[in-house]
C-alpha atoms as a PDB file:
ATOM      1  CA  MET A   1      24.110  -4.088 124.865  1.00  0.00           C
ATOM      2  CA  PHE A   2      23.485  -7.753 125.605  1.00  0.00           C
ATOM      3  CA  ARG A   3      20.732  -8.333 123.032  1.00  0.00           C
ATOM      4  CA  ASN A   4      21.393 -11.344 120.796  1.00  0.00           C
ATOM      5  CA  THR A   5      24.728 -12.023 122.505  1.00  0.00           C
ATOM      6  CA  ILE A   6      26.028 -14.296 125.226  1.00  0.00           C
ATOM      7  CA  GLY A   7      27.049 -11.266 127.291  1.00  0.00           C
ATOM      8  CA  LEU A   8      24.212 -11.412 129.825  1.00  0.00           C
ATOM      9  CA  PRO A   9      24.620 -15.075 130.831  1.00  0.00           C
ATOM     10  CA  VAL A  10      28.393 -14.613 130.968  1.00  0.00           C
ATOM     11  CA  ALA A  11      27.937 -11.550 133.186  1.00  0.00           C
ATOM     12  CA  ALA A  12      25.621 -13.583 135.441  1.00  0.00           C
ATOM     13  CA  LEU A  13      28.205 -16.356 135.767  1.00  0.00           C
ATOM     14  CA  VAL A  14      30.959 -13.843 136.552  1.00  0.00           C
ATOM     15  CA  ALA A  15      28.766 -12.259 139.234  1.00  0.00           C
ATOM     16  CA  ALA A  16      28.040 -15.724 140.658  1.00  0.00           C
ATOM     17  CA  LEU A  17      31.757 -16.552 140.776  1.00  0.00           C
ATOM     18  CA  LEU A  18      32.548 -13.252 142.504  1.00  0.00           C
ATOM     19  CA  GLY A  19      29.797 -13.919 145.039  1.00  0.00           C
ATOM     20  CA  LEU A  20      31.162 -17.418 145.617  1.00  0.00           C
ATOM     21  CA  LEU A  21      34.637 -15.964 146.174  1.00  0.00           C
ATOM     22  CA  VAL A  22      33.275 -13.527 148.775  1.00  0.00           C
ATOM     23  CA  LEU A  23      31.384 -16.343 150.504  1.00  0.00           C
ATOM     24  CA  SER A  24      34.508 -18.545 150.411  1.00  0.00           C
ATOM     25  CA  PHE A  25      36.557 -15.915 152.231  1.00  0.00           C
ATOM     26  CA  ASP A  26      33.740 -15.333 154.707  1.00  0.00           C
ATOM     27  CA  LEU A  27      33.388 -19.058 155.533  1.00  0.00           C
ATOM     28  CA  GLY A  28      37.146 -19.620 155.640  1.00  0.00           C
ATOM     29  CA  TRP A  29      37.324 -21.841 152.535  1.00  0.00           C
ATOM     30  CA  VAL A  30      39.926 -19.486 151.070  1.00  0.00           C
ATOM     31  CA  ARG A  31      42.529 -17.523 153.005  1.00  0.00           C
ATOM     32  CA  LEU A  32      45.111 -14.986 152.044  1.00  0.00           C
ATOM     33  CA  PRO A  33      48.670 -16.324 152.009  1.00  0.00           C
ATOM     34  CA  PRO A  34      50.697 -15.511 155.119  1.00  0.00           C
ATOM     35  CA  GLY A  35      52.613 -12.266 154.989  1.00  0.00           C
ATOM     36  CA  GLY A  36      56.258 -12.542 154.170  1.00  0.00           C
ATOM     37  CA  GLY A  37      58.558 -11.227 156.871  1.00  0.00           C
ATOM     38  CA  ALA A  38      59.031 -11.887 160.571  1.00  0.00           C
ATOM     39  CA  GLY A  39      57.169  -8.713 161.470  1.00  0.00           C
ATOM     40  CA  ALA A  40      53.971  -9.905 159.804  1.00  0.00           C
ATOM     41  CA  ARG A  41      54.254 -13.236 161.624  1.00  0.00           C
ATOM     42  CA  ALA A  42      55.200 -11.965 165.055  1.00  0.00           C
ATOM     43  CA  VAL A  43      53.811 -13.794 168.076  1.00  0.00           C
ATOM     44  CA  ASP A  44      51.986 -10.743 169.393  1.00  0.00           C
ATOM     45  CA  GLY A  45      48.598 -12.072 170.524  1.00  0.00           C
ATOM     46  CA  VAL A  46      46.914 -10.661 167.424  1.00  0.00           C
ATOM     47  CA  ILE A  47      45.574 -12.958 164.695  1.00  0.00           C
ATOM     48  CA  GLY A  48      45.841 -11.179 161.370  1.00  0.00           C
ATOM     49  CA  PRO A  49      43.987 -12.066 158.142  1.00  0.00           C
ATOM     50  CA  GLY A  50      45.676 -15.029 156.462  1.00  0.00           C
ATOM     51  CA  GLU A  51      48.283 -15.289 159.211  1.00  0.00           C
ATOM     52  CA  TYR A  52      47.656 -19.003 159.755  1.00  0.00           C
ATOM     53  CA  ASP A  53      47.347 -21.859 157.280  1.00  0.00           C
ATOM     54  CA  HIS A  54      44.807 -23.944 159.216  1.00  0.00           C
ATOM     55  CA  GLN A  55      42.075 -23.467 161.754  1.00  0.00           C
ATOM     56  CA  TYR A  56      39.512 -25.452 163.683  1.00  0.00           C
ATOM     57  CA  THR A  57      36.412 -24.094 165.432  1.00  0.00           C
ATOM     58  CA  ALA A  58      34.666 -25.850 168.284  1.00  0.00           C
ATOM     59  CA  GLN A  59      31.162 -24.656 167.439  1.00  0.00           C
ATOM     60  CA  ASP A  60      29.632 -25.685 170.767  1.00  0.00           C
ATOM     61  CA  ILE A  61      31.866 -23.348 172.819  1.00  0.00           C
ATOM     62  CA  GLY A  62      32.668 -20.751 170.143  1.00  0.00           C
ATOM     63  CA  MET A  63      36.441 -21.201 170.414  1.00  0.00           C
ATOM     64  CA  THR A  64      38.875 -21.396 167.499  1.00  0.00           C
ATOM     65  CA  ILE A  65      42.466 -22.537 167.231  1.00  0.00           C
ATOM     66  CA  PHE A  66      44.825 -21.621 164.394  1.00  0.00           C
ATOM     67  CA  TRP A  67      48.168 -23.106 163.410  1.00  0.00           C
ATOM     68  CA  THR A  68      50.975 -22.974 160.875  1.00  0.00           C
ATOM     69  CA  VAL A  69      53.915 -25.361 160.634  1.00  0.00           C
ATOM     70  CA  GLN A  70      57.215 -23.718 159.663  1.00  0.00           C
ATOM     71  CA  GLY A  71      60.046 -26.192 159.267  1.00  0.00           C
ATOM     72  CA  GLU A  72      60.640 -27.823 162.651  1.00  0.00           C
ATOM     73  CA  GLU A  73      58.419 -25.332 164.494  1.00  0.00           C
ATOM     74  CA  ILE A  74      54.715 -24.689 164.906  1.00  0.00           C
ATOM     75  CA  ARG A  75      52.959 -21.387 165.511  1.00  0.00           C
ATOM     76  CA  LEU A  76      49.651 -21.913 167.271  1.00  0.00           C
ATOM     77  CA  ALA A  77      46.930 -19.532 168.440  1.00  0.00           C
ATOM     78  CA  ALA A  78      43.745 -19.971 170.462  1.00  0.00           C
ATOM     79  CA  GLN A  79      40.873 -17.481 170.385  1.00  0.00           C
ATOM     80  CA  SER A  80      38.019 -17.639 172.889  1.00  0.00           C
ATOM     81  CA  PRO A  81      35.047 -15.420 173.760  1.00  0.00           C
ATOM     82  CA  GLY A  82      36.017 -15.541 177.451  1.00  0.00           C
ATOM     83  CA  LYS A  83      37.765 -12.791 179.421  1.00  0.00           C
ATOM     84  CA  GLY A  84      39.960 -15.083 181.508  1.00  0.00           C
ATOM     85  CA  TRP A  85      42.359 -17.904 180.724  1.00  0.00           C
ATOM     86  CA  VAL A  86      42.338 -19.727 177.391  1.00  0.00           C
ATOM     87  CA  ALA A  87      44.068 -23.049 176.766  1.00  0.00           C
ATOM     88  CA  VAL A  88      44.703 -25.633 174.086  1.00  0.00           C
ATOM     89  CA  GLY A  89      46.115 -29.106 174.690  1.00  0.00           C
ATOM     90  CA  TRP A  90      47.245 -31.965 172.474  1.00  0.00           C
ATOM     91  CA  GLY A  91      48.539 -35.509 172.529  1.00  0.00           C
ATOM     92  CA  GLY A  92      47.058 -36.855 175.767  1.00  0.00           C
ATOM     93  CA  GLU A  93      46.027 -40.448 176.220  1.00  0.00           C
ATOM     94  CA  GLY A  94      43.309 -39.800 178.821  1.00  0.00           C
ATOM     95  CA  PRO A  95      41.209 -40.379 180.743  1.00  0.00           C
ATOM     96  CA  ILE A  96      39.867 -36.825 180.442  1.00  0.00           C
ATOM     97  CA  MET A  97      43.011 -34.652 180.132  1.00  0.00           C
ATOM     98  CA  GLN A  98      45.593 -37.071 181.510  1.00  0.00           C
ATOM     99  CA  GLY A  99      48.863 -36.730 179.617  1.00  0.00           C
ATOM    100  CA  PHE A 100      47.933 -33.669 177.554  1.00  0.00           C
ATOM    101  CA  ASP A 101      50.558 -31.057 176.718  1.00  0.00           C
ATOM    102  CA  ILE A 102      48.846 -27.717 177.410  1.00  0.00           C
ATOM    103  CA  ALA A 103      49.542 -24.096 176.525  1.00  0.00           C
ATOM    104  CA  ILE A 104      47.523 -21.758 178.732  1.00  0.00           C
ATOM    105  CA  GLY A 105      47.455 -17.998 179.139  1.00  0.00           C
ATOM    106  CA  TYR A 106      45.494 -15.025 180.407  1.00  0.00           C
ATOM    107  CA  VAL A 107      45.751 -11.252 180.761  1.00  0.00           C
ATOM    108  CA  ASP A 108      45.307  -9.153 183.908  1.00  0.00           C
ATOM    109  CA  SER A 109      46.347  -5.707 185.081  1.00  0.00           C
ATOM    110  CA  ALA A 110      49.972  -6.877 185.260  1.00  0.00           C
ATOM    111  CA  GLY A 111      49.978  -7.958 181.618  1.00  0.00           C
ATOM    112  CA  SER A 112      50.256 -11.255 179.750  1.00  0.00           C
ATOM    113  CA  HIS A 113      50.802 -14.560 181.575  1.00  0.00           C
ATOM    114  CA  VAL A 114      51.482 -17.781 179.645  1.00  0.00           C
ATOM    115  CA  GLN A 115      52.604 -21.222 180.842  1.00  0.00           C
ATOM    116  CA  ASP A 116      53.757 -24.480 179.311  1.00  0.00           C
ATOM    117  CA  ASN A 117      51.738 -27.045 181.315  1.00  0.00           C
ATOM    118  CA  PHE A 118      51.398 -30.801 181.525  1.00  0.00           C
ATOM    119  CA  ALA A 119      48.283 -32.656 182.709  1.00  0.00           C
ATOM    120  CA  ASN A 120      49.755 -35.033 185.277  1.00  0.00           C
ATOM    121  CA  ASP A 121      46.360 -36.473 186.155  1.00  0.00           C
ATOM    122  CA  ALA A 122      42.836 -36.628 184.742  1.00  0.00           C
ATOM    123  CA  ALA A 123      41.679 -33.359 186.282  1.00  0.00           C
ATOM    124  CA  GLY A 124      44.788 -31.297 186.903  1.00  0.00           C
ATOM    125  CA  HIS A 125      47.776 -29.709 185.216  1.00  0.00           C
ATOM    126  CA  VAL A 126      50.891 -27.902 186.380  1.00  0.00           C
ATOM    127  CA  ALA A 127      53.745 -25.965 184.802  1.00  0.00           C
ATOM    128  CA  ASP A 128      56.429 -28.218 183.303  1.00  0.00           C
ATOM    129  CA  PRO A 129      59.265 -26.819 185.520  1.00  0.00           C
ATOM    130  CA  GLN A 130      57.361 -27.950 188.620  1.00  0.00           C
ATOM    131  CA  LEU A 131      57.586 -31.527 187.331  1.00  0.00           C
ATOM    132  CA  GLY A 132      61.263 -31.350 186.445  1.00  0.00           C
ATOM    133  CA  GLY A 133      60.791 -30.279 182.842  1.00  0.00           C
ATOM    134  CA  LYS A 134      61.250 -26.838 181.324  1.00  0.00           C
ATOM    135  CA  ASN A 135      59.294 -24.114 179.596  1.00  0.00           C
ATOM    136  CA  ASP A 136      59.677 -24.911 175.909  1.00  0.00           C
ATOM    137  CA  LEU A 137      57.580 -22.067 174.501  1.00  0.00           C
ATOM    138  CA  LEU A 138      59.994 -20.105 172.321  1.00  0.00           C
ATOM    139  CA  GLU A 139      57.565 -17.192 172.128  1.00  0.00           C
ATOM    140  CA  ALA A 140      54.205 -16.624 173.811  1.00  0.00           C
ATOM    141  CA  LYS A 141      51.760 -13.777 174.211  1.00  0.00           C
ATOM    142  CA  ALA A 142      48.170 -13.382 175.435  1.00  0.00           C
ATOM    143  CA  THR A 143      45.916 -10.421 174.711  1.00  0.00           C
ATOM    144  CA  GLU A 144      42.395  -9.484 175.741  1.00  0.00           C
ATOM    145  CA  SER A 145      39.812  -7.324 173.983  1.00  0.00           C
ATOM    146  CA  ALA A 146      36.081  -6.789 173.890  1.00  0.00           C
ATOM    147  CA  ASP A 147      35.836  -9.877 171.679  1.00  0.00           C
ATOM    148  CA  GLY A 148      37.582 -12.188 174.164  1.00  0.00           C
ATOM    149  CA  THR A 149      41.074 -13.569 174.774  1.00  0.00           C
ATOM    150  CA  VAL A 150      43.770 -14.652 172.318  1.00  0.00           C
ATOM    151  CA  LEU A 151      46.815 -16.805 173.075  1.00  0.00           C
ATOM    152  CA  GLU A 152      49.682 -17.189 170.617  1.00  0.00           C
ATOM    153  CA  ILE A 153      52.721 -19.445 171.007  1.00  0.00           C
ATOM    154  CA  ARG A 154      55.691 -20.731 169.032  1.00  0.00           C
ATOM    155  CA  ARG A 155      57.562 -23.935 169.870  1.00  0.00           C
ATOM    156  CA  LYS A 156      59.416 -26.831 168.278  1.00  0.00           C
ATOM    157  CA  LEU A 157      57.380 -29.725 166.903  1.00  0.00           C
ATOM    158  CA  ASP A 158      59.418 -32.041 169.134  1.00  0.00           C
ATOM    159  CA  THR A 159      61.142 -30.404 172.113  1.00  0.00           C
ATOM    160  CA  GLY A 160      62.602 -33.591 173.566  1.00  0.00           C
ATOM    161  CA  ASP A 161      61.101 -32.709 176.955  1.00  0.00           C
ATOM    162  CA  GLN A 162      59.340 -35.674 178.583  1.00  0.00           C
ATOM    163  CA  TYR A 163      56.532 -33.341 179.622  1.00  0.00           C
ATOM    164  CA  ASP A 164      55.908 -32.111 176.086  1.00  0.00           C
ATOM    165  CA  ARG A 165      53.944 -34.043 173.482  1.00  0.00           C
ATOM    166  CA  PRO A 166      55.525 -33.907 170.005  1.00  0.00           C
ATOM    167  CA  PHE A 167      53.424 -32.912 167.000  1.00  0.00           C
ATOM    168  CA  LYS A 168      53.445 -35.904 164.649  1.00  0.00           C
ATOM    169  CA  ALA A 169      51.873 -36.699 161.292  1.00  0.00           C
ATOM    170  CA  GLY A 170      48.319 -37.972 161.549  1.00  0.00           C
ATOM    171  CA  VAL A 171      45.311 -37.208 163.683  1.00  0.00           C
ATOM    172  CA  MET A 172      45.887 -36.620 167.395  1.00  0.00           C
ATOM    173  CA  PRO A 173      43.499 -35.731 170.241  1.00  0.00           C
ATOM    174  CA  ALA A 174      43.150 -32.097 171.221  1.00  0.00           C
ATOM    175  CA  ILE A 175      41.270 -30.198 173.926  1.00  0.00           C
ATOM    176  CA  LEU A 176      40.094 -26.586 173.889  1.00  0.00           C
ATOM    177  CA  ALA A 177      38.927 -24.714 176.965  1.00  0.00           C
ATOM    178  CA  PHE A 178      38.537 -21.265 178.471  1.00  0.00           C
ATOM    179  CA  SER A 179      37.297 -19.484 181.585  1.00  0.00           C
ATOM    180  CA  ASP A 180      36.422 -15.973 182.685  1.00  0.00           C
ATOM    181  CA  ALA A 181      38.934 -16.143 185.573  1.00  0.00           C
ATOM    182  CA  ASP A 182      42.382 -14.570 185.402  1.00  0.00           C
ATOM    183  CA  ASP A 183      44.428 -17.472 186.743  1.00  0.00           C
ATOM    184  CA  PHE A 184      45.745 -20.864 185.655  1.00  0.00           C
ATOM    185  CA  MET A 185      43.617 -23.166 187.799  1.00  0.00           C
ATOM    186  CA  THR A 186      39.944 -22.066 187.842  1.00  0.00           C
ATOM    187  CA  TYR A 187      37.611 -24.760 186.505  1.00  0.00           C
ATOM    188  CA  HIS A 188      36.426 -24.199 182.939  1.00  0.00           C
ATOM    189  CA  ASP A 189      32.857 -25.334 183.718  1.00  0.00           C
ATOM    190  CA  THR A 190      31.130 -26.169 180.382  1.00  0.00           C
ATOM    191  CA  HIS A 191      33.610 -24.189 178.280  1.00  0.00           C
ATOM    192  CA  ARG A 192      35.505 -27.267 177.104  1.00  0.00           C
ATOM    193  CA  ALA A 193      35.585 -29.181 173.826  1.00  0.00           C
ATOM    194  CA  THR A 194      37.533 -32.067 172.331  1.00  0.00           C
ATOM    195  CA  ALA A 195      38.644 -32.661 168.753  1.00  0.00           C
ATOM    196  CA  GLN A 196      40.735 -34.930 166.556  1.00  0.00           C
ATOM    197  CA  ILE A 197      43.188 -32.774 164.604  1.00  0.00           C
ATOM    198  CA  ASP A 198      46.034 -33.382 162.188  1.00  0.00           C
ATOM    199  CA  PHE A 199      48.277 -30.459 163.091  1.00  0.00           C
ATOM    200  CA  LEU A 200      50.659 -31.285 160.274  1.00  0.00           C
ATOM    201  CA  GLY A 201      47.754 -31.248 157.831  1.00  0.00           C
ATOM    202  CA  ALA A 202      44.285 -29.850 158.464  1.00  0.00           C
ATOM    203  CA  ALA A 203      41.453 -30.172 160.937  1.00  0.00           C
ATOM    204  CA  ALA A 204      39.725 -33.544 160.840  1.00  0.00           C
ATOM    205  CA  GLY A 205      35.987 -33.344 160.546  1.00  0.00           C
ATOM    206  CA  GLN A 206      35.902 -29.551 160.147  1.00  0.00           C
ATOM    207  CA  ARG A 207      32.616 -28.577 158.536  1.00  0.00           C
ATOM    208  CA  LYS A 208      32.906 -26.703 155.247  1.00  0.00           C
ATOM    209  CA  ILE A 209      29.503 -25.151 155.825  1.00  0.00           C
ATOM    210  CA  PRO A 210      28.627 -24.122 159.402  1.00  0.00           C
ATOM    211  CA  GLU A 211      25.584 -25.647 161.015  1.00  0.00           C
ATOM    212  CA  HIS A 212      23.962 -22.201 161.138  1.00  0.00           C
ATOM    213  CA  LEU A 213      24.509 -19.647 158.366  1.00  0.00           C
ATOM    214  CA  ALA A 214      23.988 -15.945 158.986  1.00  0.00           C
ATOM    215  CA  GLU A 215      21.118 -14.231 157.162  1.00  0.00           C
ATOM    216  CA  TYR A 216      23.438 -12.362 154.816  1.00  0.00           C
ATOM    217  CA  GLN A 217      25.249 -15.623 153.977  1.00  0.00           C
ATOM    218  CA  ILE A 218      21.951 -17.313 153.115  1.00  0.00           C
ATOM    219  CA  GLY A 219      20.962 -14.356 150.930  1.00  0.00           C
ATOM    220  CA  LEU A 220      24.340 -14.311 149.184  1.00  0.00           C
ATOM    221  CA  LEU A 221      24.169 -18.062 148.577  1.00  0.00           C
ATOM    222  CA  ALA A 222      20.656 -17.713 147.099  1.00  0.00           C
ATOM    223  CA  TRP A 223      21.822 -15.013 144.664  1.00  0.00           C
ATOM    224  CA  ILE A 224      24.857 -17.110 143.690  1.00  0.00           C
ATOM    225  CA  LEU A 225      22.610 -20.053 142.838  1.00  0.00           C
ATOM    226  CA  VAL A 226      20.106 -17.891 140.905  1.00  0.00           C
ATOM    227  CA  LEU A 227      22.809 -16.152 138.855  1.00  0.00           C
ATOM    228  CA  ALA A 228      24.657 -19.427 138.202  1.00  0.00           C
ATOM    229  CA  VAL A 229      21.505 -21.200 137.016  1.00  0.00           C
ATOM    230  CA  TYR A 230      20.546 -18.245 134.805  1.00  0.00           C
ATOM    231  CA  GLY A 231      24.048 -18.093 133.318  1.00  0.00           C
ATOM    232  CA  VAL A 232      24.206 -21.812 132.582  1.00  0.00           C
ATOM    233  CA  ILE A 233      20.727 -21.850 131.040  1.00  0.00           C
ATOM    234  CA  GLY A 234      21.610 -18.807 128.925  1.00  0.00           C
ATOM    235  CA  LEU A 235      24.805 -20.330 127.570  1.00  0.00           C
ATOM    236  CA  VAL A 236      23.126 -23.673 126.862  1.00  0.00           C
ATOM    237  CA  SER A 237      20.286 -21.868 125.048  1.00  0.00           C
ATOM    238  CA  VAL A 238      22.760 -20.011 122.836  1.00  0.00           C
ATOM    239  CA  TRP A 239      24.592 -23.281 122.132  1.00  0.00           C
ATOM    240  CA  LEU A 240      21.354 -25.092 121.236  1.00  0.00           C
ATOM    241  CA  GLU A 241      19.575 -22.335 119.311  1.00  0.00           C
ATOM    242  CA  GLY A 242      22.275 -19.918 118.220  1.00  0.00           C
ATOM    243  CA  VAL A 243      22.792 -16.269 119.094  1.00  0.00           C
ATOM    244  CA  GLU A 244      19.978 -15.109 116.814  1.00  0.00           C
ATOM    245  CA  PRO A 245      17.770 -17.977 115.569  1.00  0.00           C
ATOM    246  CA  ILE A 246      16.773 -17.763 111.895  1.00  0.00           C
ATOM    247  CA  PRO A 247      13.390 -19.201 110.850  1.00  0.00           C
ATOM    248  CA  GLU A 248      14.172 -22.475 109.105  1.00  0.00           C
ATOM    249  CA  GLN A 249      13.964 -26.233 109.292  1.00  0.00           C
ATOM    250  CA  VAL A 250      17.200 -27.584 110.767  1.00  0.00           C
ATOM    251  CA  GLU A 251      18.040 -31.232 110.306  1.00  0.00           C
ATOM    252  CA  PRO A 252      20.277 -33.037 112.818  1.00  0.00           C
ATOM    253  CA  ARG A 253      23.975 -33.290 111.957  1.00  0.00           C
ATOM    254  CA  ALA A 254      25.269 -35.945 114.302  1.00  0.00           C
ATOM    255  CA  GLY A 255      28.942 -36.670 113.742  1.00  0.00           C
ATOM    256  CA  ALA A 256      31.237 -39.193 115.384  1.00  0.00           C
ATOM    257  CA  GLY A 257      32.076 -36.736 118.192  1.00  0.00           C
ATOM    258  CA  ALA A 258      28.419 -36.252 119.064  1.00  0.00           C
ATOM    259  CA  VAL A 259      27.839 -40.020 119.133  1.00  0.00           C
ATOM    260  CA  VAL A 260      30.836 -40.566 121.419  1.00  0.00           C
ATOM    261  CA  ALA A 261      29.793 -37.691 123.706  1.00  0.00           C
ATOM    262  CA  LEU A 262      26.217 -38.975 123.980  1.00  0.00           C
ATOM    263  CA  ALA A 263      27.445 -42.503 124.741  1.00  0.00           C
ATOM    264  CA  ALA A 264      29.964 -41.279 127.327  1.00  0.00           C
ATOM    265  CA  PHE A 265      27.523 -39.056 129.239  1.00  0.00           C
ATOM    266  CA  SER A 266      24.784 -41.705 129.040  1.00  0.00           C
ATOM    267  CA  LEU A 267      27.168 -44.254 130.527  1.00  0.00           C
ATOM    268  CA  ALA A 268      28.236 -41.780 133.236  1.00  0.00           C
ATOM    269  CA  THR A 269      24.561 -41.199 134.051  1.00  0.00           C
ATOM    270  CA  LEU A 270      23.930 -44.920 134.386  1.00  0.00           C
ATOM    271  CA  VAL A 271      27.008 -45.593 136.537  1.00  0.00           C
ATOM    272  CA  ALA A 272      26.454 -42.598 138.819  1.00  0.00           C
ATOM    273  CA  SER A 273      22.785 -43.469 139.319  1.00  0.00           C
ATOM    274  CA  VAL A 274      23.610 -47.083 140.213  1.00  0.00           C
ATOM    275  CA  VAL A 275      26.322 -45.993 142.691  1.00  0.00           C
ATOM    276  CA  PHE A 276      24.051 -43.349 144.232  1.00  0.00           C
ATOM    277  CA  ILE A 277      21.083 -45.707 144.654  1.00  0.00           C
ATOM    278  CA  ARG A 278      23.340 -48.449 146.037  1.00  0.00           C
ATOM    279  CA  GLN A 279      24.778 -46.076 148.656  1.00  0.00           C
ATOM    280  CA  VAL A 280      21.286 -44.995 149.699  1.00  0.00           C
ATOM    281  CA  VAL A 281      19.888 -48.531 149.906  1.00  0.00           C
ATOM    282  CA  LEU A 282      22.893 -49.964 151.784  1.00  0.00           C
ATOM    283  CA  GLY A 283      23.366 -46.859 153.913  1.00  0.00           C
ATOM    284  CA  THR A 284      27.094 -46.780 153.160  1.00  0.00           C
ATOM    285  CA  GLY A 285      27.303 -43.347 151.579  1.00  0.00           C
ATOM    286  CA  THR A 286      28.695 -40.359 153.445  1.00  0.00           C
ATOM    287  CA  VAL A 287      27.159 -36.942 152.920  1.00  0.00           C
ATOM    288  CA  SER A 288      30.031 -35.902 150.652  1.00  0.00           C
ATOM    289  CA  SER A 289      29.980 -39.084 148.530  1.00  0.00           C
ATOM    290  CA  LEU A 290      26.190 -38.953 148.140  1.00  0.00           C
ATOM    291  CA  GLY A 291      26.416 -35.323 147.107  1.00  0.00           C
ATOM    292  CA  ALA A 292      29.216 -36.016 144.608  1.00  0.00           C
ATOM    293  CA  THR A 293      27.555 -39.044 142.979  1.00  0.00           C
ATOM    294  CA  GLY A 294      24.154 -37.351 142.950  1.00  0.00           C
ATOM    295  CA  ALA A 295      25.606 -34.255 141.290  1.00  0.00           C
ATOM    296  CA  LEU A 296      27.469 -36.392 138.752  1.00  0.00           C
ATOM    297  CA  TRP A 297      24.247 -38.276 138.001  1.00  0.00           C
ATOM    298  CA  MET A 298      22.175 -35.132 137.415  1.00  0.00           C
ATOM    299  CA  TRP A 299      24.811 -33.220 135.439  1.00  0.00           C
ATOM    300  CA  SER A 300      25.646 -36.213 133.236  1.00  0.00           C
ATOM    301  CA  LEU A 301      21.955 -36.622 132.451  1.00  0.00           C
ATOM    302  CA  ALA A 302      21.590 -32.916 131.695  1.00  0.00           C
ATOM    303  CA  VAL A 303      24.581 -32.893 129.338  1.00  0.00           C
ATOM    304  CA  ALA A 304      23.398 -36.091 127.602  1.00  0.00           C
ATOM    305  CA  VAL A 305      19.962 -34.529 127.009  1.00  0.00           C
ATOM    306  CA  ALA A 306      21.548 -31.323 125.706  1.00  0.00           C
ATOM    307  CA  VAL A 307      23.811 -33.242 123.295  1.00  0.00           C
ATOM    308  CA  TYR A 308      20.854 -35.315 122.094  1.00  0.00           C
ATOM    309  CA  ARG A 309      18.750 -32.171 121.596  1.00  0.00           C
ATOM    310  CA  ARG A 310      21.544 -30.387 119.716  1.00  0.00           C
ATOM    311  CA  TYR A 311      22.697 -33.122 117.350  1.00  0.00           C
ATOM    312  CA  PHE A 312      19.960 -35.755 117.062  1.00  0.00           C
ATOM    313  CA  VAL A 313      16.626 -33.872 116.977  1.00  0.00           C
ATOM    314  CA  SER A 314      15.159 -32.022 114.004  1.00  0.00           C
ATOM    315  CA  GLN A 315      14.370 -28.379 114.753  1.00  0.00           C
ATOM    316  CA  GLU A 316      11.932 -25.961 113.212  1.00  0.00           C
ATOM    317  CA  ILE A 317      12.556 -22.358 114.170  1.00  0.00           C
ATOM    318  CA  ILE A 318       9.619 -19.962 113.824  1.00  0.00           C
ATOM    319  CA  GLN A 319       9.190 -16.338 114.751  1.00  0.00           C
ATOM    320  CA  GLN A 320       6.068 -14.621 116.016  1.00  0.00           C
ATOM    321  CA  ASP A 321       5.220 -11.473 117.886  1.00  0.00           C
ATOM    322  CA  ARG A 322       4.763 -11.789 121.635  1.00  0.00           C
ATOM    323  CA  ASP A 323       2.220  -9.728 123.505  1.00  0.00           C
ATOM    324  CA  GLU A 324       2.538 -10.384 127.218  1.00  0.00           C
ATOM    325  CA  GLU A 325       0.694  -7.168 128.095  1.00  0.00           C
ATOM    326  CA  VAL A 326       3.645  -6.093 130.187  1.00  0.00           C
ATOM    327  CA  PRO A 327       4.737  -2.447 129.568  1.00  0.00           C
ATOM    328  CA  TRP A 328       8.463  -3.024 129.237  1.00  0.00           C
END
């Protein structure tokens, strides 16, 4: 079926793209759009697939927060592996948790309990009404399952309450914490993390690739790379040699387009290599910039070589029987 056609490399590339799509969903690079209707977006203590636009995971404590901004309101959820209270805070000036606006909740035999708190000192927090403020959570719900505890809330970006911190554009400090105790005051022990998050944008510093991939993710990534490399090599081979090479002497036919392409990719190779080496020597390159310039360097060189091979090198195509002693 695929003999003397480009079908097999194309099929390999399609399989690689499908694998990459699966991996993207699994790692959270791609999410389903939020469901349309209030029912699908209810604050019910359950985080559905694609329900939130953004998320941030504190890898060291295994806790994740999710959020979506809707007009002048924000819907925010916190998911922890603990079986007690779970809390998320934002906007404090410190030290420690001084000045943080905190949403905290837990579940016990009486049901869901959620409070709008304010950290009035470095190591303590109380409900806003106790300080003269008010509970500004428009909706709130906590649930508990075998996987841990989930807290969901909805409130205005800016409530006007002096004991609430408004959500503003730009990065702001955030704290995440949980406990296995069903109350509002038990110490979180080591189950606490800090972050810098742009709630009106996306998580700052969120890793695209987790520090530790699962075995199936590593295997899937390996197959994606193998299929992608095979597909690219197959397509390039067909472009260089034709679908079914005919024995002949082929002279180069370099036109103006080939000359321009070779010059452009050669120049890109030179520039990318200089930028890459400069970043390495000076130590100024971030991981992402080094990866981008390095990839540009290698791919520009590969394309330049392919163009040179295709349009500037004489070719002699011969055919001969192959005997690899393999019983295909």
